[in-house]
Amino acid sequence: MTNAGLLDLWTEPQERECLGCYVSRLLADFGCDGTLRWTRCWRALRAPGVAALDRLFRRRDVKCDCGVPAALGAAAWTGMPPPCAGVRRGSTRPCSVWGRPPDTPGGARGSPA
């Protein structure tokens, strides 16, 4: 397998991996390049066409992947994040590892975190 093939395997979202866990995993491995690179990659592969994430991130002034965990309701992990608890394919909800603010896509306003 080529280096590019290995990189593709490593950077592909795992089965049922939520956005928060995916972005945290890739940030731990590759760092932040100042863009929403990993967020866009996850969305393209797991939830194409979901505009609610763009609105959420604009409201919270998230300009790069580093801001995604906080926008999903959790502090950034120090070190490797815990394993993803999983979500259904296409869901933009964070898994149970993450606390979720009430206006996160897929959540009802006022619902418990």
PDB file of N, CA and C in Angstrom:
ATOM      1  N   MET A   1       0.855  -1.179   0.000  1.00  0.00           N
ATOM      2  CA  MET A   1       0.000   0.000   0.000  1.00  0.00           C
ATOM      3  C   MET A   1       0.899   1.239   0.000  1.00  0.00           C
ATOM      4  N   THR A   2       0.492   2.250  -0.739  1.00  0.00           N
ATOM      5  CA  THR A   2       1.267   3.483  -0.825  1.00  0.00           C
ATOM      6  C   THR A   2       1.038   4.354   0.404  1.00  0.00           C
ATOM      7  N   ASN A   3       1.923   5.338   0.583  1.00  0.00           N
ATOM      8  CA  ASN A   3       1.739   6.288   1.689  1.00  0.00           C
ATOM      9  C   ASN A   3       0.417   7.032   1.557  1.00  0.00           C
ATOM     10  N   ALA A   4       0.057   7.394   0.322  1.00  0.00           N
ATOM     11  CA  ALA A   4      -1.219   8.095   0.106  1.00  0.00           C
ATOM     12  C   ALA A   4      -2.392   7.196   0.493  1.00  0.00           C
ATOM     13  N   GLY A   5      -2.304   5.915   0.178  1.00  0.00           N
ATOM     14  CA  GLY A   5      -3.364   4.980   0.546  1.00  0.00           C
ATOM     15  C   GLY A   5      -3.500   4.829   2.049  1.00  0.00           C
ATOM     16  N   LEU A   6      -2.362   4.787   2.737  1.00  0.00           N
ATOM     17  CA  LEU A   6      -2.391   4.709   4.201  1.00  0.00           C
ATOM     18  C   LEU A   6      -2.983   5.975   4.802  1.00  0.00           C
ATOM     19  N   LEU A   7      -2.613   7.128   4.242  1.00  0.00           N
ATOM     20  CA  LEU A   7      -3.157   8.396   4.734  1.00  0.00           C
ATOM     21  C   LEU A   7      -4.671   8.434   4.545  1.00  0.00           C
ATOM     22  N   ASP A   8      -5.148   7.979   3.390  1.00  0.00           N
ATOM     23  CA  ASP A   8      -6.597   7.938   3.153  1.00  0.00           C
ATOM     24  C   ASP A   8      -7.298   7.043   4.173  1.00  0.00           C
ATOM     25  N   LEU A   9      -6.720   5.884   4.449  1.00  0.00           N
ATOM     26  CA  LEU A   9      -7.307   4.974   5.442  1.00  0.00           C
ATOM     27  C   LEU A   9      -7.334   5.615   6.825  1.00  0.00           C
ATOM     28  N   TRP A  10      -6.253   6.280   7.207  1.00  0.00           N
ATOM     29  CA  TRP A  10      -6.150   6.875   8.536  1.00  0.00           C
ATOM     30  C   TRP A  10      -7.098   8.053   8.708  1.00  0.00           C
ATOM     31  N   THR A  11      -7.282   8.835   7.630  1.00  0.00           N
ATOM     32  CA  THR A  11      -8.090  10.051   7.743  1.00  0.00           C
ATOM     33  C   THR A  11      -9.563   9.834   7.421  1.00  0.00           C
ATOM     34  N   GLU A  12      -9.937   8.645   6.983  1.00  0.00           N
ATOM     35  CA  GLU A  12     -11.357   8.371   6.735  1.00  0.00           C
ATOM     36  C   GLU A  12     -12.079   8.198   8.070  1.00  0.00           C
ATOM     37  N   PRO A  13     -13.274   8.790   8.195  1.00  0.00           N
ATOM     38  CA  PRO A  13     -14.030   8.586   9.437  1.00  0.00           C
ATOM     39  C   PRO A  13     -14.283   7.097   9.672  1.00  0.00           C
ATOM     40  N   GLN A  14     -14.131   6.680  10.912  1.00  0.00           N
ATOM     41  CA  GLN A  14     -14.411   5.292  11.265  1.00  0.00           C
ATOM     42  C   GLN A  14     -15.920   5.066  11.229  1.00  0.00           C
ATOM     43  N   GLU A  15     -16.315   3.814  11.118  1.00  0.00           N
ATOM     44  CA  GLU A  15     -17.738   3.474  11.100  1.00  0.00           C
ATOM     45  C   GLU A  15     -18.423   4.056  12.334  1.00  0.00           C
ATOM     46  N   ARG A  16     -19.491   4.816  12.132  1.00  0.00           N
ATOM     47  CA  ARG A  16     -20.301   5.436  13.191  1.00  0.00           C
ATOM     48  C   ARG A  16     -19.556   6.520  13.985  1.00  0.00           C
ATOM     49  N   GLU A  17     -18.371   6.959  13.544  1.00  0.00           N
ATOM     50  CA  GLU A  17     -17.616   7.983  14.275  1.00  0.00           C
ATOM     51  C   GLU A  17     -18.282   9.344  14.115  1.00  0.00           C
ATOM     52  N   CYS A  18     -18.536  10.011  15.234  1.00  0.00           N
ATOM     53  CA  CYS A  18     -19.190  11.321  15.192  1.00  0.00           C
ATOM     54  C   CYS A  18     -18.180  12.405  14.813  1.00  0.00           C
ATOM     55  N   LEU A  19     -18.701  13.572  14.459  1.00  0.00           N
ATOM     56  CA  LEU A  19     -17.855  14.686  14.038  1.00  0.00           C
ATOM     57  C   LEU A  19     -16.862  15.085  15.123  1.00  0.00           C
ATOM     58  N   GLY A  20     -17.321  15.224  16.363  1.00  0.00           N
ATOM     59  CA  GLY A  20     -16.427  15.648  17.437  1.00  0.00           C
ATOM     60  C   GLY A  20     -15.264  14.696  17.647  1.00  0.00           C
ATOM     61  N   CYS A  21     -15.549  13.412  17.656  1.00  0.00           N
ATOM     62  CA  CYS A  21     -14.496  12.412  17.851  1.00  0.00           C
ATOM     63  C   CYS A  21     -13.555  12.370  16.653  1.00  0.00           C
ATOM     64  N   TYR A  22     -14.109  12.460  15.456  1.00  0.00           N
ATOM     65  CA  TYR A  22     -13.287  12.454  14.246  1.00  0.00           C
ATOM     66  C   TYR A  22     -12.327  13.640  14.241  1.00  0.00           C
ATOM     67  N   VAL A  23     -12.859  14.841  14.445  1.00  0.00           N
ATOM     68  CA  VAL A  23     -12.019  16.041  14.407  1.00  0.00           C
ATOM     69  C   VAL A  23     -10.967  15.986  15.515  1.00  0.00           C
ATOM     70  N   SER A  24     -11.349  15.567  16.707  1.00  0.00           N
ATOM     71  CA  SER A  24     -10.385  15.474  17.809  1.00  0.00           C
ATOM     72  C   SER A  24      -9.273  14.475  17.496  1.00  0.00           C
ATOM     73  N   ARG A  25      -9.649  13.347  16.909  1.00  0.00           N
ATOM     74  CA  ARG A  25      -8.657  12.323  16.549  1.00  0.00           C
ATOM     75  C   ARG A  25      -7.669  12.854  15.516  1.00  0.00           C
ATOM     76  N   LEU A  26      -8.192  13.537  14.488  1.00  0.00           N
ATOM     77  CA  LEU A  26      -7.321  14.044  13.434  1.00  0.00           C
ATOM     78  C   LEU A  26      -6.482  15.227  13.907  1.00  0.00           C
ATOM     79  N   LEU A  27      -7.034  16.071  14.777  1.00  0.00           N
ATOM     80  CA  LEU A  27      -6.242  17.166  15.343  1.00  0.00           C
ATOM     81  C   LEU A  27      -5.095  16.616  16.187  1.00  0.00           C
ATOM     82  N   ALA A  28      -5.345  15.558  16.951  1.00  0.00           N
ATOM     83  CA  ALA A  28      -4.290  14.947  17.770  1.00  0.00           C
ATOM     84  C   ALA A  28      -3.174  14.388  16.892  1.00  0.00           C
ATOM     85  N   ASP A  29      -3.539  13.875  15.716  1.00  0.00           N
ATOM     86  CA  ASP A  29      -2.549  13.262  14.832  1.00  0.00           C
ATOM     87  C   ASP A  29      -1.861  14.249  13.895  1.00  0.00           C
ATOM     88  N   PHE A  30      -2.615  15.236  13.385  1.00  0.00           N
ATOM     89  CA  PHE A  30      -2.077  16.104  12.340  1.00  0.00           C
ATOM     90  C   PHE A  30      -2.055  17.584  12.705  1.00  0.00           C
ATOM     91  N   GLY A  31      -2.680  17.962  13.803  1.00  0.00           N
ATOM     92  CA  GLY A  31      -2.736  19.366  14.174  1.00  0.00           C
ATOM     93  C   GLY A  31      -3.747  20.132  13.335  1.00  0.00           C
ATOM     94  N   CYS A  32      -3.824  21.418  13.597  1.00  0.00           N
ATOM     95  CA  CYS A  32      -4.775  22.291  12.901  1.00  0.00           C
ATOM     96  C   CYS A  32      -4.038  23.110  11.850  1.00  0.00           C
ATOM     97  N   ASP A  33      -4.618  23.216  10.665  1.00  0.00           N
ATOM     98  CA  ASP A  33      -4.014  24.036   9.614  1.00  0.00           C
ATOM     99  C   ASP A  33      -4.738  25.374   9.455  1.00  0.00           C
ATOM    100  N   GLY A  34      -5.595  25.724  10.418  1.00  0.00           N
ATOM    101  CA  GLY A  34      -6.295  27.009  10.369  1.00  0.00           C
ATOM    102  C   GLY A  34      -7.552  27.000   9.519  1.00  0.00           C
ATOM    103  N   THR A  35      -7.984  25.811   9.078  1.00  0.00           N
ATOM    104  CA  THR A  35      -9.196  25.694   8.261  1.00  0.00           C
ATOM    105  C   THR A  35     -10.137  24.669   8.899  1.00  0.00           C
ATOM    106  N   LEU A  36     -11.260  24.466   8.268  1.00  0.00           N
ATOM    107  CA  LEU A  36     -12.203  23.415   8.676  1.00  0.00           C
ATOM    108  C   LEU A  36     -11.986  22.159   7.823  1.00  0.00           C
ATOM    109  N   ARG A  37     -10.735  21.866   7.535  1.00  0.00           N
ATOM    110  CA  ARG A  37     -10.357  20.748   6.664  1.00  0.00           C
ATOM    111  C   ARG A  37     -10.981  19.424   7.102  1.00  0.00           C
ATOM    112  N   TRP A  38     -10.798  19.042   8.360  1.00  0.00           N
ATOM    113  CA  TRP A  38     -11.291  17.744   8.833  1.00  0.00           C
ATOM    114  C   TRP A  38     -12.811  17.748   8.982  1.00  0.00           C
ATOM    115  N   THR A  39     -13.369  18.868   9.382  1.00  0.00           N
ATOM    116  CA  THR A  39     -14.828  18.987   9.484  1.00  0.00           C
ATOM    117  C   THR A  39     -15.461  18.799   8.111  1.00  0.00           C
ATOM    118  N   ARG A  40     -14.905  19.449   7.110  1.00  0.00           N
ATOM    119  CA  ARG A  40     -15.440  19.333   5.745  1.00  0.00           C
ATOM    120  C   ARG A  40     -15.268  17.921   5.198  1.00  0.00           C
ATOM    121  N   CYS A  41     -14.150  17.300   5.511  1.00  0.00           N
ATOM    122  CA  CYS A  41     -13.919  15.915   5.070  1.00  0.00           C
ATOM    123  C   CYS A  41     -14.968  14.987   5.680  1.00  0.00           C
ATOM    124  N   TRP A  42     -15.186  15.112   7.004  1.00  0.00           N
ATOM    125  CA  TRP A  42     -16.185  14.270   7.678  1.00  0.00           C
ATOM    126  C   TRP A  42     -17.564  14.489   7.067  1.00  0.00           C
ATOM    127  N   ARG A  43     -17.938  15.750   6.893  1.00  0.00           N
ATOM    128  CA  ARG A  43     -19.272  16.040   6.367  1.00  0.00           C
ATOM    129  C   ARG A  43     -19.431  15.497   4.950  1.00  0.00           C
ATOM    130  N   ALA A  44     -18.422  15.643   4.113  1.00  0.00           N
ATOM    131  CA  ALA A  44     -18.502  15.144   2.735  1.00  0.00           C
ATOM    132  C   ALA A  44     -18.722  13.632   2.697  1.00  0.00           C
ATOM    133  N   LEU A  45     -18.114  12.924   3.641  1.00  0.00           N
ATOM    134  CA  LEU A  45     -18.210  11.465   3.651  1.00  0.00           C
ATOM    135  C   LEU A  45     -19.369  10.918   4.477  1.00  0.00           C
ATOM    136  N   ARG A  46     -19.815  11.647   5.506  1.00  0.00           N
ATOM    137  CA  ARG A  46     -20.818  11.114   6.425  1.00  0.00           C
ATOM    138  C   ARG A  46     -22.152  11.849   6.427  1.00  0.00           C
ATOM    139  N   ALA A  47     -22.162  13.126   6.069  1.00  0.00           N
ATOM    140  CA  ALA A  47     -23.415  13.895   6.104  1.00  0.00           C
ATOM    141  C   ALA A  47     -23.412  14.957   5.006  1.00  0.00           C
ATOM    142  N   PRO A  48     -23.302  14.524   3.747  1.00  0.00           N
ATOM    143  CA  PRO A  48     -23.241  15.504   2.661  1.00  0.00           C
ATOM    144  C   PRO A  48     -24.519  16.342   2.584  1.00  0.00           C
ATOM    145  N   GLY A  49     -24.335  17.609   2.315  1.00  0.00           N
ATOM    146  CA  GLY A  49     -25.483  18.496   2.140  1.00  0.00           C
ATOM    147  C   GLY A  49     -26.078  19.047   3.416  1.00  0.00           C
ATOM    148  N   VAL A  50     -25.510  18.743   4.573  1.00  0.00           N
ATOM    149  CA  VAL A  50     -26.057  19.245   5.837  1.00  0.00           C
ATOM    150  C   VAL A  50     -25.550  20.668   6.058  1.00  0.00           C
ATOM    151  N   ALA A  51     -26.458  21.629   5.917  1.00  0.00           N
ATOM    152  CA  ALA A  51     -26.089  23.040   6.060  1.00  0.00           C
ATOM    153  C   ALA A  51     -26.144  23.511   7.508  1.00  0.00           C
ATOM    154  N   ALA A  52     -26.792  22.770   8.386  1.00  0.00           N
ATOM    155  CA  ALA A  52     -26.927  23.192   9.784  1.00  0.00           C
ATOM    156  C   ALA A  52     -25.569  23.358  10.458  1.00  0.00           C
ATOM    157  N   LEU A  53     -24.590  22.560  10.071  1.00  0.00           N
ATOM    158  CA  LEU A  53     -23.259  22.700  10.662  1.00  0.00           C
ATOM    159  C   LEU A  53     -22.649  24.049  10.306  1.00  0.00           C
ATOM    160  N   ASP A  54     -22.799  24.461   9.056  1.00  0.00           N
ATOM    161  CA  ASP A  54     -22.272  25.768   8.646  1.00  0.00           C
ATOM    162  C   ASP A  54     -22.888  26.884   9.473  1.00  0.00           C
ATOM    163  N   ARG A  55     -24.193  26.836   9.669  1.00  0.00           N
ATOM    164  CA  ARG A  55     -24.872  27.879  10.462  1.00  0.00           C
ATOM    165  C   ARG A  55     -24.394  27.864  11.911  1.00  0.00           C
ATOM    166  N   LEU A  56     -24.285  26.679  12.491  1.00  0.00           N
ATOM    167  CA  LEU A  56     -23.816  26.561  13.870  1.00  0.00           C
ATOM    168  C   LEU A  56     -22.422  27.158  14.014  1.00  0.00           C
ATOM    169  N   PHE A  57     -21.538  26.806  13.121  1.00  0.00           N
ATOM    170  CA  PHE A  57     -20.160  27.280  13.224  1.00  0.00           C
ATOM    171  C   PHE A  57     -20.060  28.778  12.951  1.00  0.00           C
ATOM    172  N   ARG A  58     -20.866  29.304  12.042  1.00  0.00           N
ATOM    173  CA  ARG A  58     -20.877  30.763  11.818  1.00  0.00           C
ATOM    174  C   ARG A  58     -21.348  31.487  13.069  1.00  0.00           C
ATOM    175  N   ARG A  59     -22.442  31.000  13.685  1.00  0.00           N
ATOM    176  CA  ARG A  59     -22.962  31.634  14.910  1.00  0.00           C
ATOM    177  C   ARG A  59     -21.926  31.632  16.025  1.00  0.00           C
ATOM    178  N   ARG A  60     -21.150  30.602  16.092  1.00  0.00           N
ATOM    179  CA  ARG A  60     -20.157  30.473  17.175  1.00  0.00           C
ATOM    180  C   ARG A  60     -18.774  30.937  16.745  1.00  0.00           C
ATOM    181  N   ASP A  61     -18.682  31.544  15.561  1.00  0.00           N
ATOM    182  CA  ASP A  61     -17.432  32.091  15.029  1.00  0.00           C
ATOM    183  C   ASP A  61     -16.320  31.041  14.971  1.00  0.00           C
ATOM    184  N   VAL A  62     -16.670  29.832  14.558  1.00  0.00           N
ATOM    185  CA  VAL A  62     -15.689  28.754  14.408  1.00  0.00           C
ATOM    186  C   VAL A  62     -15.090  28.869  13.011  1.00  0.00           C
ATOM    187  N   LYS A  63     -13.787  29.115  12.960  1.00  0.00           N
ATOM    188  CA  LYS A  63     -13.118  29.305  11.679  1.00  0.00           C
ATOM    189  C   LYS A  63     -12.164  28.163  11.324  1.00  0.00           C
ATOM    190  N   CYS A  64     -11.891  27.302  12.313  1.00  0.00           N
ATOM    191  CA  CYS A  64     -10.999  26.174  12.044  1.00  0.00           C
ATOM    192  C   CYS A  64     -11.408  24.979  12.908  1.00  0.00           C
ATOM    193  N   ASP A  65     -10.820  23.836  12.614  1.00  0.00           N
ATOM    194  CA  ASP A  65     -11.166  22.598  13.317  1.00  0.00           C
ATOM    195  C   ASP A  65     -10.939  22.677  14.824  1.00  0.00           C
ATOM    196  N   CYS A  66     -10.010  23.509  15.272  1.00  0.00           N
ATOM    197  CA  CYS A  66      -9.751  23.630  16.722  1.00  0.00           C
ATOM    198  C   CYS A  66     -10.991  24.080  17.491  1.00  0.00           C
ATOM    199  N   GLY A  67     -11.872  24.847  16.845  1.00  0.00           N
ATOM    200  CA  GLY A  67     -13.061  25.351  17.517  1.00  0.00           C
ATOM    201  C   GLY A  67     -14.238  24.400  17.514  1.00  0.00           C
ATOM    202  N   VAL A  68     -14.149  23.316  16.765  1.00  0.00           N
ATOM    203  CA  VAL A  68     -15.279  22.394  16.634  1.00  0.00           C
ATOM    204  C   VAL A  68     -15.658  21.726  17.958  1.00  0.00           C
ATOM    205  N   PRO A  69     -14.708  21.186  18.736  1.00  0.00           N
ATOM    206  CA  PRO A  69     -15.118  20.556  20.005  1.00  0.00           C
ATOM    207  C   PRO A  69     -15.893  21.505  20.916  1.00  0.00           C
ATOM    208  N   ALA A  70     -15.435  22.738  21.060  1.00  0.00           N
ATOM    209  CA  ALA A  70     -16.142  23.700  21.914  1.00  0.00           C
ATOM    210  C   ALA A  70     -17.522  24.013  21.348  1.00  0.00           C
ATOM    211  N   ALA A  71     -17.633  24.112  20.026  1.00  0.00           N
ATOM    212  CA  ALA A  71     -18.929  24.390  19.400  1.00  0.00           C
ATOM    213  C   ALA A  71     -19.907  23.243  19.629  1.00  0.00           C
ATOM    214  N   LEU A  72     -19.381  22.042  19.804  1.00  0.00           N
ATOM    215  CA  LEU A  72     -20.226  20.875  20.074  1.00  0.00           C
ATOM    216  C   LEU A  72     -20.488  20.695  21.563  1.00  0.00           C
ATOM    217  N   GLY A  73     -19.932  21.577  22.377  1.00  0.00           N
ATOM    218  CA  GLY A  73     -20.250  21.569  23.798  1.00  0.00           C
ATOM    219  C   GLY A  73     -19.226  20.933  24.700  1.00  0.00           C
ATOM    220  N   ALA A  74     -18.005  20.752  24.243  1.00  0.00           N
ATOM    221  CA  ALA A  74     -16.987  20.124  25.087  1.00  0.00           C
ATOM    222  C   ALA A  74     -15.689  20.907  25.018  1.00  0.00           C
ATOM    223  N   ALA A  75     -14.946  20.838  26.075  1.00  0.00           N
ATOM    224  CA  ALA A  75     -13.605  21.415  26.072  1.00  0.00           C
ATOM    225  C   ALA A  75     -12.719  20.537  25.192  1.00  0.00           C
ATOM    226  N   ALA A  76     -11.683  21.125  24.648  1.00  0.00           N
ATOM    227  CA  ALA A  76     -10.745  20.345  23.840  1.00  0.00           C
ATOM    228  C   ALA A  76     -10.078  19.300  24.731  1.00  0.00           C
ATOM    229  N   TRP A  77      -9.839  18.122  24.178  1.00  0.00           N
ATOM    230  CA  TRP A  77      -9.189  17.054  24.929  1.00  0.00           C
ATOM    231  C   TRP A  77      -7.710  17.346  25.021  1.00  0.00           C
ATOM    232  N   THR A  78      -7.111  17.015  26.128  1.00  0.00           N
ATOM    233  CA  THR A  78      -5.660  17.046  26.226  1.00  0.00           C
ATOM    234  C   THR A  78      -5.205  15.623  25.970  1.00  0.00           C
ATOM    235  N   GLY A  79      -4.425  15.425  24.937  1.00  0.00           N
ATOM    236  CA  GLY A  79      -4.029  14.079  24.549  1.00  0.00           C
ATOM    237  C   GLY A  79      -5.097  13.453  23.659  1.00  0.00           C
ATOM    238  N   MET A  80      -5.065  12.141  23.573  1.00  0.00           N
ATOM    239  CA  MET A  80      -6.016  11.430  22.720  1.00  0.00           C
ATOM    240  C   MET A  80      -7.405  11.421  23.352  1.00  0.00           C
ATOM    241  N   PRO A  81      -8.435  11.685  22.544  1.00  0.00           N
ATOM    242  CA  PRO A  81      -9.799  11.625  23.066  1.00  0.00           C
ATOM    243  C   PRO A  81     -10.196  10.175  23.340  1.00  0.00           C
ATOM    244  N   PRO A  82     -11.226   9.973  24.172  1.00  0.00           N
ATOM    245  CA  PRO A  82     -11.701   8.607  24.407  1.00  0.00           C
ATOM    246  C   PRO A  82     -12.320   8.038  23.127  1.00  0.00           C
ATOM    247  N   PRO A  83     -12.521   6.732  23.053  1.00  0.00           N
ATOM    248  CA  PRO A  83     -13.144   6.142  21.864  1.00  0.00           C
ATOM    249  C   PRO A  83     -14.548   6.704  21.637  1.00  0.00           C
ATOM    250  N   CYS A  84     -14.902   6.841  20.386  1.00  0.00           N
ATOM    251  CA  CYS A  84     -16.225   7.355  20.018  1.00  0.00           C
ATOM    252  C   CYS A  84     -17.302   6.348  20.419  1.00  0.00           C
ATOM    253  N   ALA A  85     -18.382   6.859  20.992  1.00  0.00           N
ATOM    254  CA  ALA A  85     -19.515   6.003  21.364  1.00  0.00           C
ATOM    255  C   ALA A  85     -20.384   5.675  20.151  1.00  0.00           C
ATOM    256  N   GLY A  86     -20.209   6.409  19.058  1.00  0.00           N
ATOM    257  CA  GLY A  86     -20.903   6.119  17.813  1.00  0.00           C
ATOM    258  C   GLY A  86     -22.228   6.834  17.636  1.00  0.00           C
ATOM    259  N   VAL A  87     -22.535   7.131  16.382  1.00  0.00           N
ATOM    260  CA  VAL A  87     -23.806   7.730  15.969  1.00  0.00           C
ATOM    261  C   VAL A  87     -24.248   7.027  14.692  1.00  0.00           C
ATOM    262  N   ARG A  88     -25.507   7.207  14.328  1.00  0.00           N
ATOM    263  CA  ARG A  88     -25.963   6.599  13.072  1.00  0.00           C
ATOM    264  C   ARG A  88     -25.350   7.365  11.903  1.00  0.00           C
ATOM    265  N   ARG A  89     -25.133   6.689  10.807  1.00  0.00           N
ATOM    266  CA  ARG A  89     -24.553   7.312   9.620  1.00  0.00           C
ATOM    267  C   ARG A  89     -25.439   8.473   9.172  1.00  0.00           C
ATOM    268  N   GLY A  90     -24.823   9.610   8.872  1.00  0.00           N
ATOM    269  CA  GLY A  90     -25.554  10.788   8.428  1.00  0.00           C
ATOM    270  C   GLY A  90     -25.941  11.731   9.552  1.00  0.00           C
ATOM    271  N   SER A  91     -25.800  11.295  10.801  1.00  0.00           N
ATOM    272  CA  SER A  91     -26.156  12.140  11.936  1.00  0.00           C
ATOM    273  C   SER A  91     -25.062  13.165  12.196  1.00  0.00           C
ATOM    274  N   THR A  92     -25.469  14.411  12.445  1.00  0.00           N
ATOM    275  CA  THR A  92     -24.509  15.445  12.819  1.00  0.00           C
ATOM    276  C   THR A  92     -24.439  15.614  14.329  1.00  0.00           C
ATOM    277  N   ARG A  93     -25.221  14.819  15.054  1.00  0.00           N
ATOM    278  CA  ARG A  93     -25.181  14.888  16.521  1.00  0.00           C
ATOM    279  C   ARG A  93     -23.862  14.325  17.029  1.00  0.00           C
ATOM    280  N   PRO A  94     -23.330  14.930  18.089  1.00  0.00           N
ATOM    281  CA  PRO A  94     -22.153  14.326  18.710  1.00  0.00           C
ATOM    282  C   PRO A  94     -22.561  13.063  19.472  1.00  0.00           C
ATOM    283  N   CYS A  95     -21.623  12.153  19.650  1.00  0.00           N
ATOM    284  CA  CYS A  95     -21.922  10.942  20.421  1.00  0.00           C
ATOM    285  C   CYS A  95     -22.015  11.287  21.905  1.00  0.00           C
ATOM    286  N   SER A  96     -22.303  10.292  22.715  1.00  0.00           N
ATOM    287  CA  SER A  96     -22.508  10.520  24.145  1.00  0.00           C
ATOM    288  C   SER A  96     -21.234  10.927  24.884  1.00  0.00           C
ATOM    289  N   VAL A  97     -20.079  10.834  24.245  1.00  0.00           N
ATOM    290  CA  VAL A  97     -18.826  11.286  24.853  1.00  0.00           C
ATOM    291  C   VAL A  97     -18.858  12.804  25.055  1.00  0.00           C
ATOM    292  N   TRP A  98     -19.623  13.503  24.207  1.00  0.00           N
ATOM    293  CA  TRP A  98     -19.650  14.964  24.199  1.00  0.00           C
ATOM    294  C   TRP A  98     -20.899  15.491  24.885  1.00  0.00           C
ATOM    295  N   GLY A  99     -20.743  16.560  25.650  1.00  0.00           N
ATOM    296  CA  GLY A  99     -21.910  17.306  26.116  1.00  0.00           C
ATOM    297  C   GLY A  99     -22.406  18.111  24.930  1.00  0.00           C
ATOM    298  N   ARG A 100     -23.698  18.309  24.797  1.00  0.00           N
ATOM    299  CA  ARG A 100     -24.224  18.987  23.619  1.00  0.00           C
ATOM    300  C   ARG A 100     -25.037  20.200  24.030  1.00  0.00           C
ATOM    301  N   PRO A 101     -24.669  21.395  23.506  1.00  0.00           N
ATOM    302  CA  PRO A 101     -25.497  22.561  23.781  1.00  0.00           C
ATOM    303  C   PRO A 101     -26.866  22.398  23.136  1.00  0.00           C
ATOM    304  N   PRO A 102     -27.890  23.057  23.639  1.00  0.00           N
ATOM    305  CA  PRO A 102     -29.256  22.839  23.174  1.00  0.00           C
ATOM    306  C   PRO A 102     -29.506  23.200  21.720  1.00  0.00           C
ATOM    307  N   ASP A 103     -28.697  24.064  21.109  1.00  0.00           N
ATOM    308  CA  ASP A 103     -28.974  24.430  19.721  1.00  0.00           C
ATOM    309  C   ASP A 103     -28.050  23.734  18.728  1.00  0.00           C
ATOM    310  N   THR A 104     -27.452  22.615  19.128  1.00  0.00           N
ATOM    311  CA  THR A 104     -26.649  21.823  18.217  1.00  0.00           C
ATOM    312  C   THR A 104     -27.570  21.142  17.206  1.00  0.00           C
ATOM    313  N   PRO A 105     -27.124  21.010  15.936  1.00  0.00           N
ATOM    314  CA  PRO A 105     -27.975  20.337  14.955  1.00  0.00           C
ATOM    315  C   PRO A 105     -28.459  18.990  15.479  1.00  0.00           C
ATOM    316  N   GLY A 106     -29.744  18.753  15.340  1.00  0.00           N
ATOM    317  CA  GLY A 106     -30.330  17.489  15.761  1.00  0.00           C
ATOM    318  C   GLY A 106     -30.837  17.494  17.190  1.00  0.00           C
ATOM    319  N   GLY A 107     -30.599  18.559  17.917  1.00  0.00           N
ATOM    320  CA  GLY A 107     -31.046  18.618  19.308  1.00  0.00           C
ATOM    321  C   GLY A 107     -32.156  19.632  19.477  1.00  0.00           C
ATOM    322  N   ALA A 108     -33.015  19.382  20.409  1.00  0.00           N
ATOM    323  CA  ALA A 108     -34.111  20.320  20.677  1.00  0.00           C
ATOM    324  C   ALA A 108     -33.616  21.412  21.608  1.00  0.00           C
ATOM    325  N   ARG A 109     -34.026  22.616  21.347  1.00  0.00           N
ATOM    326  CA  ARG A 109     -33.655  23.731  22.206  1.00  0.00           C
ATOM    327  C   ARG A 109     -34.167  23.447  23.615  1.00  0.00           C
ATOM    328  N   GLY A 110     -33.273  23.608  24.577  1.00  0.00           N
ATOM    329  CA  GLY A 110     -33.660  23.372  25.957  1.00  0.00           C
ATOM    330  C   GLY A 110     -33.505  21.930  26.412  1.00  0.00           C
ATOM    331  N   SER A 111     -33.053  21.044  25.526  1.00  0.00           N
ATOM    332  CA  SER A 111     -32.863  19.653  25.940  1.00  0.00           C
ATOM    333  C   SER A 111     -31.613  19.552  26.803  1.00  0.00           C
ATOM    334  N   PRO A 112     -31.536  18.569  27.670  1.00  0.00           N
ATOM    335  CA  PRO A 112     -30.354  18.439  28.518  1.00  0.00           C
ATOM    336  C   PRO A 112     -29.121  18.133  27.690  1.00  0.00           C
ATOM    337  N   ALA A 113     -27.989  18.558  28.173  1.00  0.00           N
ATOM    338  CA  ALA A 113     -26.725  18.334  27.458  1.00  0.00           C
ATOM    339  C   ALA A 113     -26.298  16.891  27.572  1.00  0.00           C
TER     340      ALA A 113
END
